[in-house]
Amino acid sequence: MMVAKARVVISHDTGMLYIACAFEKNVIAIWGATSPALQVEPLMPADSKAQVFQSIVPDLSCQPCSNFGTKTCPKGHFACMKKQDLPEIVRQVGNMWRD
């Protein structure tokens, strides 16, 4: 399985995110329609040395808009994804890759 060999896993709120946590892989969680506000988030064992970075657009009033994600943005702007801080995500991947 590719996840078992990965150094860093980048995932949305999907099964892949939770599989990566089960393998205690460094994780970049990208939040769009769903968010930790829905009481979902990467769950690592308490003694895990894996790093977790959660990328979420701050102060976005319409987010979360769904428990399971949506095919289209209810507001029509898809800001939860379009406004992701890509340079920060890349920086976090680099940090995790080196560690």
PDB file of N, CA and C in Angstrom:
ATOM      1  N   MET A   1       0.843  -1.182   0.000  1.00  0.00           N
ATOM      2  CA  MET A   1       0.000   0.000   0.000  1.00  0.00           C
ATOM      3  C   MET A   1       0.887   1.245   0.000  1.00  0.00           C
ATOM      4  N   MET A   2       0.543   2.203  -0.811  1.00  0.00           N
ATOM      5  CA  MET A   2       1.354   3.408  -0.949  1.00  0.00           C
ATOM      6  C   MET A   2       1.419   4.231   0.336  1.00  0.00           C
ATOM      7  N   VAL A   3       0.336   4.285   1.075  1.00  0.00           N
ATOM      8  CA  VAL A   3       0.329   5.078   2.310  1.00  0.00           C
ATOM      9  C   VAL A   3       1.387   4.562   3.281  1.00  0.00           C
ATOM     10  N   ALA A   4       1.539   3.269   3.361  1.00  0.00           N
ATOM     11  CA  ALA A   4       2.516   2.685   4.285  1.00  0.00           C
ATOM     12  C   ALA A   4       3.942   3.132   3.967  1.00  0.00           C
ATOM     13  N   LYS A   5       4.211   3.474   2.707  1.00  0.00           N
ATOM     14  CA  LYS A   5       5.545   3.894   2.293  1.00  0.00           C
ATOM     15  C   LYS A   5       5.715   5.408   2.245  1.00  0.00           C
ATOM     16  N   ALA A   6       4.652   6.147   2.433  1.00  0.00           N
ATOM     17  CA  ALA A   6       4.682   7.608   2.305  1.00  0.00           C
ATOM     18  C   ALA A   6       5.406   8.268   3.471  1.00  0.00           C
ATOM     19  N   ARG A   7       6.052   9.391   3.184  1.00  0.00           N
ATOM     20  CA  ARG A   7       6.649  10.209   4.247  1.00  0.00           C
ATOM     21  C   ARG A   7       5.663  11.275   4.701  1.00  0.00           C
ATOM     22  N   VAL A   8       4.854  11.762   3.747  1.00  0.00           N
ATOM     23  CA  VAL A   8       3.834  12.778   4.022  1.00  0.00           C
ATOM     24  C   VAL A   8       2.604  12.427   3.199  1.00  0.00           C
ATOM     25  N   VAL A   9       1.430  12.555   3.802  1.00  0.00           N
ATOM     26  CA  VAL A   9       0.178  12.338   3.082  1.00  0.00           C
ATOM     27  C   VAL A   9      -0.616  13.639   3.118  1.00  0.00           C
ATOM     28  N   ILE A  10      -1.016  14.099   1.937  1.00  0.00           N
ATOM     29  CA  ILE A  10      -1.868  15.285   1.809  1.00  0.00           C
ATOM     30  C   ILE A  10      -3.253  14.782   1.446  1.00  0.00           C
ATOM     31  N   SER A  11      -4.248  15.160   2.249  1.00  0.00           N
ATOM     32  CA  SER A  11      -5.589  14.634   2.016  1.00  0.00           C
ATOM     33  C   SER A  11      -6.645  15.612   2.498  1.00  0.00           C
ATOM     34  N   HIS A  12      -7.801  15.516   1.877  1.00  0.00           N
ATOM     35  CA  HIS A  12      -8.990  16.186   2.385  1.00  0.00           C
ATOM     36  C   HIS A  12      -9.572  15.297   3.479  1.00  0.00           C
ATOM     37  N   ASP A  13     -10.730  15.661   3.958  1.00  0.00           N
ATOM     38  CA  ASP A  13     -11.430  14.872   4.969  1.00  0.00           C
ATOM     39  C   ASP A  13     -12.020  13.640   4.289  1.00  0.00           C
ATOM     40  N   THR A  14     -11.153  12.652   4.068  1.00  0.00           N
ATOM     41  CA  THR A  14     -11.573  11.416   3.406  1.00  0.00           C
ATOM     42  C   THR A  14     -10.974  10.230   4.151  1.00  0.00           C
ATOM     43  N   GLY A  15     -11.320   9.057   3.701  1.00  0.00           N
ATOM     44  CA  GLY A  15     -10.754   7.855   4.296  1.00  0.00           C
ATOM     45  C   GLY A  15      -9.238   7.851   4.254  1.00  0.00           C
ATOM     46  N   MET A  16      -8.661   8.425   3.202  1.00  0.00           N
ATOM     47  CA  MET A  16      -7.204   8.464   3.073  1.00  0.00           C
ATOM     48  C   MET A  16      -6.567   9.178   4.267  1.00  0.00           C
ATOM     49  N   LEU A  17      -7.189  10.237   4.739  1.00  0.00           N
ATOM     50  CA  LEU A  17      -6.671  10.966   5.898  1.00  0.00           C
ATOM     51  C   LEU A  17      -6.592  10.053   7.113  1.00  0.00           C
ATOM     52  N   TYR A  18      -7.625   9.290   7.335  1.00  0.00           N
ATOM     53  CA  TYR A  18      -7.688   8.440   8.516  1.00  0.00           C
ATOM     54  C   TYR A  18      -6.810   7.187   8.373  1.00  0.00           C
ATOM     55  N   ILE A  19      -6.643   6.714   7.155  1.00  0.00           N
ATOM     56  CA  ILE A  19      -5.705   5.615   6.912  1.00  0.00           C
ATOM     57  C   ILE A  19      -4.282   6.082   7.209  1.00  0.00           C
ATOM     58  N   ALA A  20      -3.944   7.294   6.760  1.00  0.00           N
ATOM     59  CA  ALA A  20      -2.612   7.850   7.023  1.00  0.00           C
ATOM     60  C   ALA A  20      -2.374   7.977   8.526  1.00  0.00           C
ATOM     61  N   CYS A  21      -3.384   8.377   9.255  1.00  0.00           N
ATOM     62  CA  CYS A  21      -3.250   8.478  10.717  1.00  0.00           C
ATOM     63  C   CYS A  21      -3.049   7.100  11.335  1.00  0.00           C
ATOM     64  N   ALA A  22      -3.755   6.105  10.826  1.00  0.00           N
ATOM     65  CA  ALA A  22      -3.598   4.746  11.355  1.00  0.00           C
ATOM     66  C   ALA A  22      -2.170   4.243  11.153  1.00  0.00           C
ATOM     67  N   PHE A  23      -1.534   4.668  10.049  1.00  0.00           N
ATOM     68  CA  PHE A  23      -0.143   4.299   9.774  1.00  0.00           C
ATOM     69  C   PHE A  23       0.840   5.275  10.434  1.00  0.00           C
ATOM     70  N   GLU A  24       0.306   6.259  11.161  1.00  0.00           N
ATOM     71  CA  GLU A  24       1.114   7.276  11.843  1.00  0.00           C
ATOM     72  C   GLU A  24       2.053   8.010  10.884  1.00  0.00           C
ATOM     73  N   LYS A  25       1.495   8.430   9.762  1.00  0.00           N
ATOM     74  CA  LYS A  25       2.244   9.190   8.768  1.00  0.00           C
ATOM     75  C   LYS A  25       2.067  10.682   9.030  1.00  0.00           C
ATOM     76  N   ASN A  26       3.055  11.465   8.648  1.00  0.00           N
ATOM     77  CA  ASN A  26       2.891  12.916   8.685  1.00  0.00           C
ATOM     78  C   ASN A  26       1.732  13.268   7.760  1.00  0.00           C
ATOM     79  N   VAL A  27       0.868  14.162   8.222  1.00  0.00           N
ATOM     80  CA  VAL A  27      -0.369  14.445   7.503  1.00  0.00           C
ATOM     81  C   VAL A  27      -0.560  15.949   7.311  1.00  0.00           C
ATOM     82  N   ILE A  28      -0.943  16.306   6.089  1.00  0.00           N
ATOM     83  CA  ILE A  28      -1.449  17.646   5.788  1.00  0.00           C
ATOM     84  C   ILE A  28      -2.938  17.445   5.513  1.00  0.00           C
ATOM     85  N   ALA A  29      -3.784  17.950   6.388  1.00  0.00           N
ATOM     86  CA  ALA A  29      -5.232  17.837   6.231  1.00  0.00           C
ATOM     87  C   ALA A  29      -5.748  19.149   5.648  1.00  0.00           C
ATOM     88  N   ILE A  30      -6.352  19.077   4.476  1.00  0.00           N
ATOM     89  CA  ILE A  30      -6.886  20.270   3.814  1.00  0.00           C
ATOM     90  C   ILE A  30      -8.399  20.260   3.985  1.00  0.00           C
ATOM     91  N   TRP A  31      -8.896  21.293   4.647  1.00  0.00           N
ATOM     92  CA  TRP A  31     -10.317  21.365   4.967  1.00  0.00           C
ATOM     93  C   TRP A  31     -11.032  22.284   3.988  1.00  0.00           C
ATOM     94  N   GLY A  32     -12.121  21.780   3.417  1.00  0.00           N
ATOM     95  CA  GLY A  32     -12.949  22.556   2.499  1.00  0.00           C
ATOM     96  C   GLY A  32     -14.354  22.664   3.053  1.00  0.00           C
ATOM     97  N   ALA A  33     -15.275  21.879   2.487  1.00  0.00           N
ATOM     98  CA  ALA A  33     -16.671  21.924   2.930  1.00  0.00           C
ATOM     99  C   ALA A  33     -16.839  21.423   4.358  1.00  0.00           C
ATOM    100  N   THR A  34     -15.987  20.484   4.762  1.00  0.00           N
ATOM    101  CA  THR A  34     -16.035  19.985   6.136  1.00  0.00           C
ATOM    102  C   THR A  34     -14.955  20.700   6.950  1.00  0.00           C
ATOM    103  N   SER A  35     -14.974  20.521   8.240  1.00  0.00           N
ATOM    104  CA  SER A  35     -13.952  21.153   9.086  1.00  0.00           C
ATOM    105  C   SER A  35     -13.913  20.491  10.452  1.00  0.00           C
ATOM    106  N   PRO A  36     -12.851  20.766  11.206  1.00  0.00           N
ATOM    107  CA  PRO A  36     -12.803  20.254  12.583  1.00  0.00           C
ATOM    108  C   PRO A  36     -13.968  20.756  13.442  1.00  0.00           C
ATOM    109  N   ALA A  37     -14.633  21.818  13.012  1.00  0.00           N
ATOM    110  CA  ALA A  37     -15.808  22.309  13.747  1.00  0.00           C
ATOM    111  C   ALA A  37     -16.917  21.253  13.787  1.00  0.00           C
ATOM    112  N   LEU A  38     -16.865  20.289  12.872  1.00  0.00           N
ATOM    113  CA  LEU A  38     -17.844  19.201  12.841  1.00  0.00           C
ATOM    114  C   LEU A  38     -17.397  18.015  13.688  1.00  0.00           C
ATOM    115  N   GLN A  39     -16.370  18.238  14.479  1.00  0.00           N
ATOM    116  CA  GLN A  39     -15.792  17.225  15.363  1.00  0.00           C
ATOM    117  C   GLN A  39     -15.211  16.054  14.575  1.00  0.00           C
ATOM    118  N   VAL A  40     -14.570  16.387  13.448  1.00  0.00           N
ATOM    119  CA  VAL A  40     -13.780  15.428  12.671  1.00  0.00           C
ATOM    120  C   VAL A  40     -12.397  16.033  12.520  1.00  0.00           C
ATOM    121  N   GLU A  41     -11.398  15.236  12.691  1.00  0.00           N
ATOM    122  CA  GLU A  41     -10.034  15.716  12.506  1.00  0.00           C
ATOM    123  C   GLU A  41      -9.087  14.526  12.498  1.00  0.00           C
ATOM    124  N   PRO A  42      -7.868  14.756  12.047  1.00  0.00           N
ATOM    125  CA  PRO A  42      -6.897  13.655  12.059  1.00  0.00           C
ATOM    126  C   PRO A  42      -6.692  13.154  13.488  1.00  0.00           C
ATOM    127  N   LEU A  43      -6.759  11.868  13.663  1.00  0.00           N
ATOM    128  CA  LEU A  43      -6.626  11.289  14.997  1.00  0.00           C
ATOM    129  C   LEU A  43      -5.431  10.351  15.019  1.00  0.00           C
ATOM    130  N   MET A  44      -4.386  10.792  15.692  1.00  0.00           N
ATOM    131  CA  MET A  44      -3.174   9.993  15.834  1.00  0.00           C
ATOM    132  C   MET A  44      -3.148   9.359  17.231  1.00  0.00           C
ATOM    133  N   PRO A  45      -2.463   8.244  17.357  1.00  0.00           N
ATOM    134  CA  PRO A  45      -2.258   7.687  18.704  1.00  0.00           C
ATOM    135  C   PRO A  45      -1.563   8.728  19.592  1.00  0.00           C
ATOM    136  N   ALA A  46      -1.848   8.707  20.863  1.00  0.00           N
ATOM    137  CA  ALA A  46      -1.323   9.711  21.798  1.00  0.00           C
ATOM    138  C   ALA A  46       0.201   9.777  21.789  1.00  0.00           C
ATOM    139  N   ASP A  47       0.872   8.666  21.589  1.00  0.00           N
ATOM    140  CA  ASP A  47       2.331   8.646  21.630  1.00  0.00           C
ATOM    141  C   ASP A  47       2.978   8.767  20.248  1.00  0.00           C
ATOM    142  N   SER A  48       2.195   9.099  19.234  1.00  0.00           N
ATOM    143  CA  SER A  48       2.712   9.187  17.866  1.00  0.00           C
ATOM    144  C   SER A  48       3.680  10.361  17.714  1.00  0.00           C
ATOM    145  N   LYS A  49       4.706  10.152  16.930  1.00  0.00           N
ATOM    146  CA  LYS A  49       5.654  11.214  16.607  1.00  0.00           C
ATOM    147  C   LYS A  49       5.314  11.867  15.269  1.00  0.00           C
ATOM    148  N   ALA A  50       4.262  11.399  14.615  1.00  0.00           N
ATOM    149  CA  ALA A  50       3.845  11.962  13.330  1.00  0.00           C
ATOM    150  C   ALA A  50       3.349  13.389  13.525  1.00  0.00           C
ATOM    151  N   GLN A  51       3.605  14.207  12.524  1.00  0.00           N
ATOM    152  CA  GLN A  51       3.176  15.599  12.563  1.00  0.00           C
ATOM    153  C   GLN A  51       1.858  15.749  11.804  1.00  0.00           C
ATOM    154  N   VAL A  52       1.030  16.679  12.261  1.00  0.00           N
ATOM    155  CA  VAL A  52      -0.236  16.972  11.601  1.00  0.00           C
ATOM    156  C   VAL A  52      -0.316  18.481  11.392  1.00  0.00           C
ATOM    157  N   PHE A  53      -0.602  18.874  10.152  1.00  0.00           N
ATOM    158  CA  PHE A  53      -0.877  20.282   9.848  1.00  0.00           C
ATOM    159  C   PHE A  53      -2.268  20.336   9.247  1.00  0.00           C
ATOM    160  N   GLN A  54      -3.113  21.201   9.811  1.00  0.00           N
ATOM    161  CA  GLN A  54      -4.479  21.345   9.320  1.00  0.00           C
ATOM    162  C   GLN A  54      -4.602  22.675   8.586  1.00  0.00           C
ATOM    163  N   SER A  55      -4.858  22.588   7.289  1.00  0.00           N
ATOM    164  CA  SER A  55      -4.985  23.785   6.469  1.00  0.00           C
ATOM    165  C   SER A  55      -6.460  24.119   6.292  1.00  0.00           C
ATOM    166  N   ILE A  56      -6.837  25.249   6.851  1.00  0.00           N
ATOM    167  CA  ILE A  56      -8.227  25.701   6.772  1.00  0.00           C
ATOM    168  C   ILE A  56      -8.211  27.213   6.568  1.00  0.00           C
ATOM    169  N   VAL A  57      -9.080  27.694   5.713  1.00  0.00           N
ATOM    170  CA  VAL A  57      -9.155  29.130   5.460  1.00  0.00           C
ATOM    171  C   VAL A  57      -9.747  29.789   6.710  1.00  0.00           C
ATOM    172  N   PRO A  58      -9.007  30.719   7.325  1.00  0.00           N
ATOM    173  CA  PRO A  58      -9.512  31.327   8.565  1.00  0.00           C
ATOM    174  C   PRO A  58     -10.686  32.270   8.330  1.00  0.00           C
ATOM    175  N   ASP A  59     -11.551  32.328   9.300  1.00  0.00           N
ATOM    176  CA  ASP A  59     -12.666  33.292   9.334  1.00  0.00           C
ATOM    177  C   ASP A  59     -13.582  33.224   8.119  1.00  0.00           C
ATOM    178  N   LEU A  60     -13.813  32.038   7.606  1.00  0.00           N
ATOM    179  CA  LEU A  60     -14.718  31.863   6.470  1.00  0.00           C
ATOM    180  C   LEU A  60     -16.091  31.512   7.037  1.00  0.00           C
ATOM    181  N   SER A  61     -17.009  32.454   6.984  1.00  0.00           N
ATOM    182  CA  SER A  61     -18.295  32.300   7.679  1.00  0.00           C
ATOM    183  C   SER A  61     -19.157  31.159   7.141  1.00  0.00           C
ATOM    184  N   CYS A  62     -18.954  30.766   5.905  1.00  0.00           N
ATOM    185  CA  CYS A  62     -19.796  29.719   5.317  1.00  0.00           C
ATOM    186  C   CYS A  62     -19.221  28.321   5.502  1.00  0.00           C
ATOM    187  N   GLN A  63     -18.122  28.218   6.191  1.00  0.00           N
ATOM    188  CA  GLN A  63     -17.441  26.938   6.340  1.00  0.00           C
ATOM    189  C   GLN A  63     -17.512  26.473   7.789  1.00  0.00           C
ATOM    190  N   PRO A  64     -17.927  25.270   8.078  1.00  0.00           N
ATOM    191  CA  PRO A  64     -18.245  24.174   7.174  1.00  0.00           C
ATOM    192  C   PRO A  64     -19.654  24.322   6.590  1.00  0.00           C
ATOM    193  N   CYS A  65     -19.832  23.766   5.418  1.00  0.00           N
ATOM    194  CA  CYS A  65     -21.157  23.818   4.785  1.00  0.00           C
ATOM    195  C   CYS A  65     -21.764  22.431   4.632  1.00  0.00           C
ATOM    196  N   SER A  66     -21.006  21.396   5.005  1.00  0.00           N
ATOM    197  CA  SER A  66     -21.500  20.039   4.798  1.00  0.00           C
ATOM    198  C   SER A  66     -20.786  19.063   5.722  1.00  0.00           C
ATOM    199  N   ASN A  67     -21.493  18.034   6.134  1.00  0.00           N
ATOM    200  CA  ASN A  67     -20.863  16.963   6.907  1.00  0.00           C
ATOM    201  C   ASN A  67     -20.048  16.031   6.028  1.00  0.00           C
ATOM    202  N   PHE A  68     -20.373  15.965   4.740  1.00  0.00           N
ATOM    203  CA  PHE A  68     -19.742  14.990   3.852  1.00  0.00           C
ATOM    204  C   PHE A  68     -19.148  15.617   2.600  1.00  0.00           C
ATOM    205  N   GLY A  69     -19.026  16.926   2.550  1.00  0.00           N
ATOM    206  CA  GLY A  69     -18.538  17.580   1.341  1.00  0.00           C
ATOM    207  C   GLY A  69     -19.668  17.723   0.335  1.00  0.00           C
ATOM    208  N   THR A  70     -19.440  18.517  -0.685  1.00  0.00           N
ATOM    209  CA  THR A  70     -20.445  18.746  -1.707  1.00  0.00           C
ATOM    210  C   THR A  70     -19.772  18.759  -3.074  1.00  0.00           C
ATOM    211  N   LYS A  71     -20.539  18.505  -4.114  1.00  0.00           N
ATOM    212  CA  LYS A  71     -19.990  18.544  -5.475  1.00  0.00           C
ATOM    213  C   LYS A  71     -19.872  19.981  -5.969  1.00  0.00           C
ATOM    214  N   THR A  72     -20.716  20.850  -5.458  1.00  0.00           N
ATOM    215  CA  THR A  72     -20.673  22.265  -5.826  1.00  0.00           C
ATOM    216  C   THR A  72     -20.756  23.106  -4.563  1.00  0.00           C
ATOM    217  N   CYS A  73     -20.234  24.304  -4.650  1.00  0.00           N
ATOM    218  CA  CYS A  73     -20.275  25.225  -3.511  1.00  0.00           C
ATOM    219  C   CYS A  73     -21.669  25.845  -3.404  1.00  0.00           C
ATOM    220  N   PRO A  74     -22.319  25.749  -2.243  1.00  0.00           N
ATOM    221  CA  PRO A  74     -23.644  26.346  -2.088  1.00  0.00           C
ATOM    222  C   PRO A  74     -23.646  27.858  -2.327  1.00  0.00           C
ATOM    223  N   LYS A  75     -22.523  28.515  -2.075  1.00  0.00           N
ATOM    224  CA  LYS A  75     -22.423  29.967  -2.272  1.00  0.00           C
ATOM    225  C   LYS A  75     -21.898  30.328  -3.661  1.00  0.00           C
ATOM    226  N   GLY A  76     -21.365  29.339  -4.368  1.00  0.00           N
ATOM    227  CA  GLY A  76     -20.882  29.577  -5.718  1.00  0.00           C
ATOM    228  C   GLY A  76     -19.466  30.114  -5.827  1.00  0.00           C
ATOM    229  N   HIS A  77     -18.758  30.264  -4.704  1.00  0.00           N
ATOM    230  CA  HIS A  77     -17.407  30.851  -4.782  1.00  0.00           C
ATOM    231  C   HIS A  77     -16.284  29.867  -4.473  1.00  0.00           C
ATOM    232  N   PHE A  78     -16.571  28.779  -3.803  1.00  0.00           N
ATOM    233  CA  PHE A  78     -15.597  27.738  -3.462  1.00  0.00           C
ATOM    234  C   PHE A  78     -14.373  28.320  -2.747  1.00  0.00           C
ATOM    235  N   ALA A  79     -14.608  29.342  -1.935  1.00  0.00           N
ATOM    236  CA  ALA A  79     -13.520  30.040  -1.235  1.00  0.00           C
ATOM    237  C   ALA A  79     -12.761  29.129  -0.275  1.00  0.00           C
ATOM    238  N   CYS A  80     -13.417  28.130   0.267  1.00  0.00           N
ATOM    239  CA  CYS A  80     -12.747  27.227   1.219  1.00  0.00           C
ATOM    240  C   CYS A  80     -11.575  26.492   0.577  1.00  0.00           C
ATOM    241  N   MET A  81     -11.595  26.376  -0.735  1.00  0.00           N
ATOM    242  CA  MET A  81     -10.480  25.742  -1.430  1.00  0.00           C
ATOM    243  C   MET A  81      -9.632  26.769  -2.181  1.00  0.00           C
ATOM    244  N   LYS A  82     -10.274  27.709  -2.827  1.00  0.00           N
ATOM    245  CA  LYS A  82      -9.532  28.689  -3.629  1.00  0.00           C
ATOM    246  C   LYS A  82      -8.634  29.583  -2.783  1.00  0.00           C
ATOM    247  N   LYS A  83      -8.987  29.784  -1.523  1.00  0.00           N
ATOM    248  CA  LYS A  83      -8.195  30.657  -0.645  1.00  0.00           C
ATOM    249  C   LYS A  83      -7.233  29.891   0.257  1.00  0.00           C
ATOM    250  N   GLN A  84      -7.027  28.617  -0.014  1.00  0.00           N
ATOM    251  CA  GLN A  84      -6.055  27.843   0.761  1.00  0.00           C
ATOM    252  C   GLN A  84      -4.678  28.497   0.624  1.00  0.00           C
ATOM    253  N   ASP A  85      -3.909  28.477   1.680  1.00  0.00           N
ATOM    254  CA  ASP A  85      -2.571  29.069   1.695  1.00  0.00           C
ATOM    255  C   ASP A  85      -1.574  28.062   1.112  1.00  0.00           C
ATOM    256  N   LEU A  86      -1.475  28.035  -0.217  1.00  0.00           N
ATOM    257  CA  LEU A  86      -0.618  27.055  -0.885  1.00  0.00           C
ATOM    258  C   LEU A  86       0.849  27.172  -0.495  1.00  0.00           C
ATOM    259  N   PRO A  87       1.420  28.383  -0.389  1.00  0.00           N
ATOM    260  CA  PRO A  87       2.819  28.456   0.054  1.00  0.00           C
ATOM    261  C   PRO A  87       3.035  27.842   1.441  1.00  0.00           C
ATOM    262  N   GLU A  88       2.077  28.010   2.329  1.00  0.00           N
ATOM    263  CA  GLU A  88       2.209  27.411   3.671  1.00  0.00           C
ATOM    264  C   GLU A  88       2.093  25.893   3.599  1.00  0.00           C
ATOM    265  N   ILE A  89       1.198  25.386   2.769  1.00  0.00           N
ATOM    266  CA  ILE A  89       1.062  23.939   2.614  1.00  0.00           C
ATOM    267  C   ILE A  89       2.374  23.355   2.096  1.00  0.00           C
ATOM    268  N   VAL A  90       2.964  23.992   1.084  1.00  0.00           N
ATOM    269  CA  VAL A  90       4.239  23.525   0.527  1.00  0.00           C
ATOM    270  C   VAL A  90       5.334  23.585   1.591  1.00  0.00           C
ATOM    271  N   ARG A  91       5.353  24.653   2.377  1.00  0.00           N
ATOM    272  CA  ARG A  91       6.345  24.789   3.447  1.00  0.00           C
ATOM    273  C   ARG A  91       6.203  23.664   4.466  1.00  0.00           C
ATOM    274  N   GLN A  92       4.985  23.355   4.837  1.00  0.00           N
ATOM    275  CA  GLN A  92       4.730  22.289   5.806  1.00  0.00           C
ATOM    276  C   GLN A  92       5.157  20.927   5.259  1.00  0.00           C
ATOM    277  N   VAL A  93       4.883  20.673   3.984  1.00  0.00           N
ATOM    278  CA  VAL A  93       5.331  19.422   3.369  1.00  0.00           C
ATOM    279  C   VAL A  93       6.848  19.333   3.435  1.00  0.00           C
ATOM    280  N   GLY A  94       7.527  20.431   3.091  1.00  0.00           N
ATOM    281  CA  GLY A  94       8.994  20.448   3.144  1.00  0.00           C
ATOM    282  C   GLY A  94       9.511  20.166   4.540  1.00  0.00           C
ATOM    283  N   ASN A  95       8.910  20.778   5.544  1.00  0.00           N
ATOM    284  CA  ASN A  95       9.323  20.537   6.939  1.00  0.00           C
ATOM    285  C   ASN A  95       9.131  19.071   7.333  1.00  0.00           C
ATOM    286  N   MET A  96       7.991  18.520   6.970  1.00  0.00           N
ATOM    287  CA  MET A  96       7.712  17.132   7.326  1.00  0.00           C
ATOM    288  C   MET A  96       8.603  16.167   6.554  1.00  0.00           C
ATOM    289  N   TRP A  97       8.906  16.502   5.326  1.00  0.00           N
ATOM    290  CA  TRP A  97       9.741  15.643   4.493  1.00  0.00           C
ATOM    291  C   TRP A  97      11.148  15.521   5.071  1.00  0.00           C
ATOM    292  N   ARG A  98      11.654  16.634   5.581  1.00  0.00           N
ATOM    293  CA  ARG A  98      13.022  16.649   6.131  1.00  0.00           C
ATOM    294  C   ARG A  98      13.116  15.920   7.468  1.00  0.00           C
ATOM    295  N   ASP A  99      12.061  15.988   8.246  1.00  0.00           N
ATOM    296  CA  ASP A  99      12.104  15.393   9.605  1.00  0.00           C
ATOM    297  C   ASP A  99      12.090  13.890   9.575  1.00  0.00           C
TER     298      ASP A  99
END
